[in-house]
Amino acid sequence: MSIAQAIAPHLPYLRRFARALTGTQQGGDAYAVATLEALIADPNSFEREMEPRVALYKAFLKVWGSIAINQVTDTPSASGSITRNLAALTPPARVAFLLSSVEGFTHEQIAGAMGRSPEDVAGLIDEAGREIAQQMATDVLIIEDEPIIAMDLESLVEGLGHRVIEVARTRSEAVEAVKRQQPGLVLADIQLADGSSGLDAVNDILESFEVPVIFITAYPERFLTGERPEPAFLVTKPFRVETVKAVISQALFFDQKSHRKEKSAVG
C-alpha cells in the first residue's frame, strides 16, 4: 500500500486536529499541507511500522514543532472561548489533550505520535486537566446517594479547583438544589436513595437550563435508549480517579455555555 493510500482516510481528521491545535482554519490547513509536502519530499520519514494514523500524526507533529507558519489571523472554526482555552495550555499538554479527547487516541498511540512514554502522556493529560480547571473553575452539583462515593467525588472536584454547591441524594433534592443555584456542571448517579432516578433528575434540570452532565453509574446499559440526555460523558462504576478528572476536563472544555467562576466572587 502506498503512503497516499495509507493516509488518505485520515486526512480530514488531521485537518480537524491541526485547526484545533493552531486555533485557526488557515493556520491548521497550512500545517497539514506542509506535512504532506514533507512526506512527498522524504517518503522514508513516514514510519511504516506504525499504524498509518499514528505515523501521519507523528509526521505532522514533527512539522508543527519545527516551523512557524501559523502566523495568520483567521476566524477560528471552534468557539472563541475554546480557542482561548486551548492556547493557554502548554504545547505538549495541548497536543496530548486534543489527541485524547478529540481524536480518540489511546495513551499508547499518543506516546507513539509524540515520541514519549505512555506514563509521560498520562502526566500531560493530567496537566491539561489541571490547567483547564484553573481556567474554567465552576460550581458543581453532585447527585449521588452513596455517602462515601459522594465524599470521594466532592474531594476530587474540589481538588480540581471547582466548588461543590450541594450533594443531592434524590431526584427532588436535585431539582430543589438547582432552584437555589444553577451549577456549571452536574455529576449524576442513576439509582438514587428513595428509588428515584438520577436520569429523571437530569431531565428535569435540562428542561430549565442547559448544563454539561457527567453520568457516573454502575448501570451504563440504561443509557442505550436514544432518549435525551444523550450520554456524551459517561463514567462506569467502580471508577478510576484519573478517568473522572479527564472527563470533567473534557465536559467543561467542550461545553460552550460552561461559565468561568469569577475569582472575586464569594460563596
Protein backbone atom coordinates (compact mmCIF):
# COMPACT_ATOMS: atom_id res chain seq x y z
CA MET A 1 0.00 0.00 0.00
CA SER A 2 1.34 3.43 -0.93
CA ILE A 3 1.72 6.22 1.61
CA ALA A 4 -1.05 8.15 -0.16
CA GLN A 5 -3.43 5.21 0.18
CA ALA A 6 -2.46 4.65 3.81
CA ILE A 7 -3.05 8.22 4.95
CA ALA A 8 -5.98 9.25 2.73
CA PRO A 9 -8.74 8.11 5.16
CA HIS A 10 -7.11 10.08 7.98
CA LEU A 11 -6.52 13.44 6.26
CA PRO A 12 -9.90 15.03 7.15
CA TYR A 13 -9.27 14.23 10.81
CA LEU A 14 -5.72 15.53 10.62
CA ARG A 15 -7.08 18.85 9.33
CA ARG A 16 -9.57 18.95 12.20
CA PHE A 17 -6.79 18.29 14.68
CA ALA A 18 -4.49 20.86 13.07
CA ARG A 19 -7.18 23.57 13.21
CA ALA A 20 -7.92 22.82 16.85
CA LEU A 21 -4.22 22.81 17.71
CA THR A 22 -3.38 26.09 15.99
CA GLY A 23 -6.69 27.82 16.69
CA THR A 24 -7.29 28.87 13.08
CA GLN A 25 -8.54 27.19 9.94
CA GLN A 26 -5.91 28.80 7.72
CA GLY A 27 -3.03 28.04 10.07
CA GLY A 28 -4.13 24.47 10.64
CA ASP A 29 -4.57 23.77 6.94
CA ALA A 30 -1.13 25.25 6.26
CA TYR A 31 0.47 22.83 8.71
CA ALA A 32 -1.44 19.92 7.16
CA VAL A 33 -0.22 20.89 3.69
CA ALA A 34 3.34 21.30 4.98
CA THR A 35 3.13 17.78 6.43
CA LEU A 36 2.11 16.31 3.08
CA GLU A 37 4.88 18.22 1.34
CA ALA A 38 7.39 16.86 3.86
CA LEU A 39 6.23 13.29 3.23
CA ILE A 40 6.48 13.78 -0.53
CA ALA A 41 10.00 15.20 -0.17
CA ASP A 42 11.11 12.39 2.17
CA PRO A 43 8.89 9.29 1.98
CA ASN A 44 11.21 7.49 4.39
CA SER A 45 10.07 9.88 7.15
CA PHE A 46 6.74 8.02 7.20
CA GLU A 47 7.23 5.25 9.76
CA ARG A 48 5.55 2.28 8.11
CA GLU A 49 5.94 0.03 11.14
CA MET A 50 3.44 2.23 13.00
CA GLU A 51 -0.31 2.41 12.49
CA PRO A 52 -0.85 4.71 9.47
CA ARG A 53 -2.89 7.19 11.51
CA VAL A 54 -0.28 7.37 14.27
CA ALA A 55 2.55 7.69 11.73
CA LEU A 56 0.70 10.51 9.95
CA TYR A 57 0.14 12.46 13.16
CA LYS A 58 3.74 11.89 14.19
CA ALA A 59 4.89 13.39 10.88
CA PHE A 60 2.53 16.32 11.43
CA LEU A 61 3.82 16.97 14.94
CA LYS A 62 7.39 16.92 13.66
CA VAL A 63 6.48 19.66 11.17
CA TRP A 64 4.45 21.58 13.74
CA GLY A 65 7.37 21.62 16.14
CA SER A 66 9.97 22.65 13.58
CA ILE A 67 8.49 25.54 11.59
CA ALA A 68 6.31 28.56 12.33
CA ILE A 69 3.79 29.04 9.55
CA ASN A 70 0.77 29.65 11.73
CA GLN A 71 1.25 33.41 11.89
CA VAL A 72 -2.01 34.39 10.19
CA THR A 73 -5.12 35.71 11.87
CA ASP A 74 -8.32 33.92 10.96
CA THR A 75 -11.72 33.24 12.42
CA PRO A 76 -11.47 30.00 14.39
CA SER A 77 -13.86 27.25 13.44
CA ALA A 78 -14.34 26.48 17.12
CA SER A 79 -15.82 28.93 19.58
CA GLY A 80 -13.61 31.78 20.73
CA SER A 81 -13.66 30.54 24.31
CA ILE A 82 -12.49 27.08 23.30
CA THR A 83 -9.68 28.56 21.23
CA ARG A 84 -8.54 30.77 24.10
CA ASN A 85 -8.60 27.83 26.50
CA LEU A 86 -6.53 25.74 24.11
CA ALA A 87 -3.99 28.50 23.58
CA ALA A 88 -3.50 28.80 27.32
CA LEU A 89 -2.38 25.18 27.64
CA THR A 90 1.32 24.42 27.40
CA PRO A 91 2.04 22.97 23.92
CA PRO A 92 2.77 19.32 24.87
CA ALA A 93 -0.28 19.20 27.16
CA ARG A 94 -2.40 20.76 24.41
CA VAL A 95 -1.28 18.11 21.92
CA ALA A 96 -1.88 15.22 24.31
CA PHE A 97 -5.27 16.55 25.37
CA LEU A 98 -6.50 17.00 21.80
CA LEU A 99 -5.21 13.63 20.64
CA SER A 100 -7.04 12.00 23.53
CA SER A 101 -10.30 13.96 23.70
CA VAL A 102 -10.81 14.96 20.05
CA GLU A 103 -9.06 12.24 18.07
CA GLY A 104 -9.74 9.37 20.46
CA PHE A 105 -6.13 8.16 20.59
CA THR A 106 -5.13 5.77 23.34
CA HIS A 107 -2.22 6.69 25.62
CA GLU A 108 -0.05 4.24 23.69
CA GLN A 109 -0.99 5.82 20.35
CA ILE A 110 -0.34 9.31 21.71
CA ALA A 111 3.01 8.13 23.03
CA GLY A 112 3.91 6.89 19.54
CA ALA A 113 2.84 10.11 17.84
CA MET A 114 4.61 12.35 20.35
CA GLY A 115 7.71 10.21 20.87
CA ARG A 116 7.06 9.94 24.60
CA SER A 117 6.26 7.17 27.06
CA PRO A 118 2.65 6.32 27.98
CA GLU A 119 3.46 7.49 31.50
CA ASP A 120 4.56 10.89 30.18
CA VAL A 121 1.35 11.10 28.16
CA ALA A 122 -0.78 10.38 31.23
CA GLY A 123 1.04 13.17 33.06
CA LEU A 124 0.50 15.61 30.19
CA ILE A 125 -3.23 14.86 30.03
CA ASP A 126 -3.47 15.31 33.79
CA GLU A 127 -1.58 18.61 33.45
CA ALA A 128 -4.05 19.72 30.78
CA GLY A 129 -6.93 18.86 33.07
CA ARG A 130 -5.49 20.97 35.88
CA GLU A 131 -4.83 23.91 33.56
CA ILE A 132 -8.34 23.73 32.10
CA ALA A 133 -9.83 23.53 35.59
CA GLN A 134 -7.94 26.67 36.60
CA GLN A 135 -9.35 28.49 33.58
CA MET A 136 -12.89 27.18 33.87
CA ALA A 137 -13.49 26.68 37.58
CA THR A 138 -17.21 26.31 38.11
CA ASP A 139 -19.92 25.30 40.57
CA VAL A 140 -20.80 21.61 40.63
CA LEU A 141 -23.91 19.73 41.69
CA ILE A 142 -23.36 16.10 42.70
CA ILE A 143 -26.35 13.76 42.52
CA GLU A 144 -25.27 10.66 44.44
CA ASP A 145 -26.94 8.71 47.24
CA GLU A 146 -23.93 6.72 48.49
CA PRO A 147 -22.19 8.90 51.13
CA ILE A 148 -18.67 7.52 50.63
CA ILE A 149 -18.80 7.88 46.85
CA ALA A 150 -20.27 11.37 47.23
CA MET A 151 -17.42 12.34 49.55
CA ASP A 152 -14.85 10.95 47.11
CA LEU A 153 -16.39 12.89 44.22
CA GLU A 154 -16.59 16.07 46.28
CA SER A 155 -12.91 15.80 47.23
CA LEU A 156 -11.93 15.08 43.62
CA VAL A 157 -13.95 18.00 42.23
CA GLU A 158 -12.63 20.47 44.79
CA GLY A 159 -9.09 19.22 44.15
CA LEU A 160 -9.53 20.37 40.55
CA GLY A 161 -10.42 23.87 41.71
CA HIS A 162 -14.20 23.67 41.42
CA ARG A 163 -16.79 24.30 44.14
CA VAL A 164 -19.44 21.77 45.12
CA ILE A 165 -22.62 23.72 45.77
CA GLU A 166 -24.64 20.73 47.02
CA VAL A 167 -24.84 16.95 47.17
CA ALA A 168 -28.33 15.71 46.34
CA ARG A 169 -29.42 12.18 47.30
CA THR A 170 -32.77 12.10 45.48
CA ARG A 171 -34.44 13.46 42.36
CA SER A 172 -36.43 16.02 44.34
CA GLU A 173 -33.34 17.23 46.23
CA ALA A 174 -31.52 17.73 42.93
CA VAL A 175 -34.37 19.75 41.44
CA GLU A 176 -34.61 21.92 44.55
CA ALA A 177 -30.85 22.43 44.60
CA VAL A 178 -30.75 23.96 41.10
CA LYS A 179 -33.61 26.28 42.04
CA ARG A 180 -31.37 27.75 44.71
CA GLN A 181 -28.29 27.99 42.48
CA GLN A 182 -27.57 26.91 38.92
CA PRO A 183 -24.43 24.77 38.61
CA GLY A 184 -21.98 24.87 35.74
CA LEU A 185 -21.59 21.08 35.83
CA VAL A 186 -23.63 18.12 37.10
CA LEU A 187 -22.25 14.75 38.19
CA ALA A 188 -25.13 12.28 38.41
CA ASP A 189 -25.67 8.71 39.51
CA ILE A 190 -28.66 6.79 38.12
CA GLN A 191 -30.21 4.85 41.01
CA LEU A 192 -30.86 7.13 43.98
CA ALA A 193 -31.71 6.66 47.65
CA ASP A 194 -35.52 6.74 47.53
CA GLY A 195 -35.77 4.67 44.38
CA SER A 196 -35.91 7.77 42.20
CA SER A 197 -33.83 8.19 39.07
CA GLY A 198 -30.84 10.44 38.53
CA LEU A 199 -31.66 10.30 34.84
CA ASP A 200 -35.10 11.79 35.55
CA ALA A 201 -33.48 14.39 37.79
CA VAL A 202 -31.17 15.45 34.98
CA ASN A 203 -34.07 15.58 32.51
CA ASP A 204 -35.93 17.86 34.94
CA ILE A 205 -32.88 20.12 35.25
CA LEU A 206 -32.33 20.31 31.48
CA GLU A 207 -35.90 21.50 31.00
CA SER A 208 -34.91 24.68 32.82
CA PHE A 209 -31.38 25.37 31.51
CA GLU A 210 -28.50 23.79 29.65
CA VAL A 211 -25.61 22.39 31.65
CA PRO A 212 -22.97 19.73 30.92
CA VAL A 213 -23.75 16.44 32.64
CA ILE A 214 -21.47 13.54 33.51
CA PHE A 215 -23.21 10.31 34.46
CA ILE A 216 -21.30 8.13 36.91
CA THR A 217 -23.13 4.85 37.16
CA ALA A 218 -22.91 1.11 37.55
CA TYR A 219 -25.72 0.78 35.00
CA PRO A 220 -24.40 2.12 31.67
CA GLU A 221 -26.87 -0.03 29.74
CA ARG A 222 -29.70 2.23 30.93
CA PHE A 223 -28.40 4.90 28.57
CA LEU A 224 -28.89 2.81 25.45
CA THR A 225 -32.35 4.24 24.81
CA GLY A 226 -31.60 7.06 22.36
CA GLU A 227 -33.55 9.46 24.57
CA ARG A 228 -32.35 12.76 25.99
CA PRO A 229 -29.99 13.32 27.68
CA GLU A 230 -27.51 11.56 25.44
CA PRO A 231 -24.57 10.06 27.35
CA ALA A 232 -21.88 12.28 25.90
CA PHE A 233 -19.97 11.87 29.15
CA LEU A 234 -20.32 8.55 30.93
CA VAL A 235 -18.13 7.00 33.63
CA THR A 236 -18.75 3.45 34.80
CA LYS A 237 -18.53 2.46 38.47
CA PRO A 238 -16.24 1.48 40.01
CA PHE A 239 -14.43 4.48 38.56
CA ARG A 240 -10.79 5.46 38.42
CA VAL A 241 -9.96 8.93 39.77
CA GLU A 242 -7.90 9.73 36.67
CA THR A 243 -10.84 8.86 34.43
CA VAL A 244 -13.25 11.16 36.26
CA LYS A 245 -10.73 14.01 36.22
CA ALA A 246 -10.21 13.64 32.48
CA VAL A 247 -13.94 13.51 31.73
CA ILE A 248 -14.63 16.58 33.88
CA SER A 249 -11.98 18.50 31.97
CA GLN A 250 -13.41 17.39 28.63
CA ALA A 251 -17.00 18.21 29.60
CA LEU A 252 -16.13 21.75 30.69
CA PHE A 253 -13.68 22.35 27.87
CA PHE A 254 -16.09 21.50 25.09
CA ASP A 255 -19.23 22.97 26.60
CA GLN A 256 -19.57 26.45 25.08
CA LYS A 257 -22.01 27.51 27.79
CA SER A 258 -19.92 26.46 30.77
CA HIS A 259 -19.13 29.51 32.86
CA ARG A 260 -15.92 30.61 34.42
CA LYS A 261 -16.28 31.37 38.12
CA GLU A 262 -15.13 34.90 38.85
CA LYS A 263 -12.09 34.96 41.07
CA SER A 264 -13.56 37.85 43.03
CA ALA A 265 -16.85 36.06 43.74
CA VAL A 266 -17.65 34.93 47.24
CA GLY A 267 -19.51 31.73 48.05
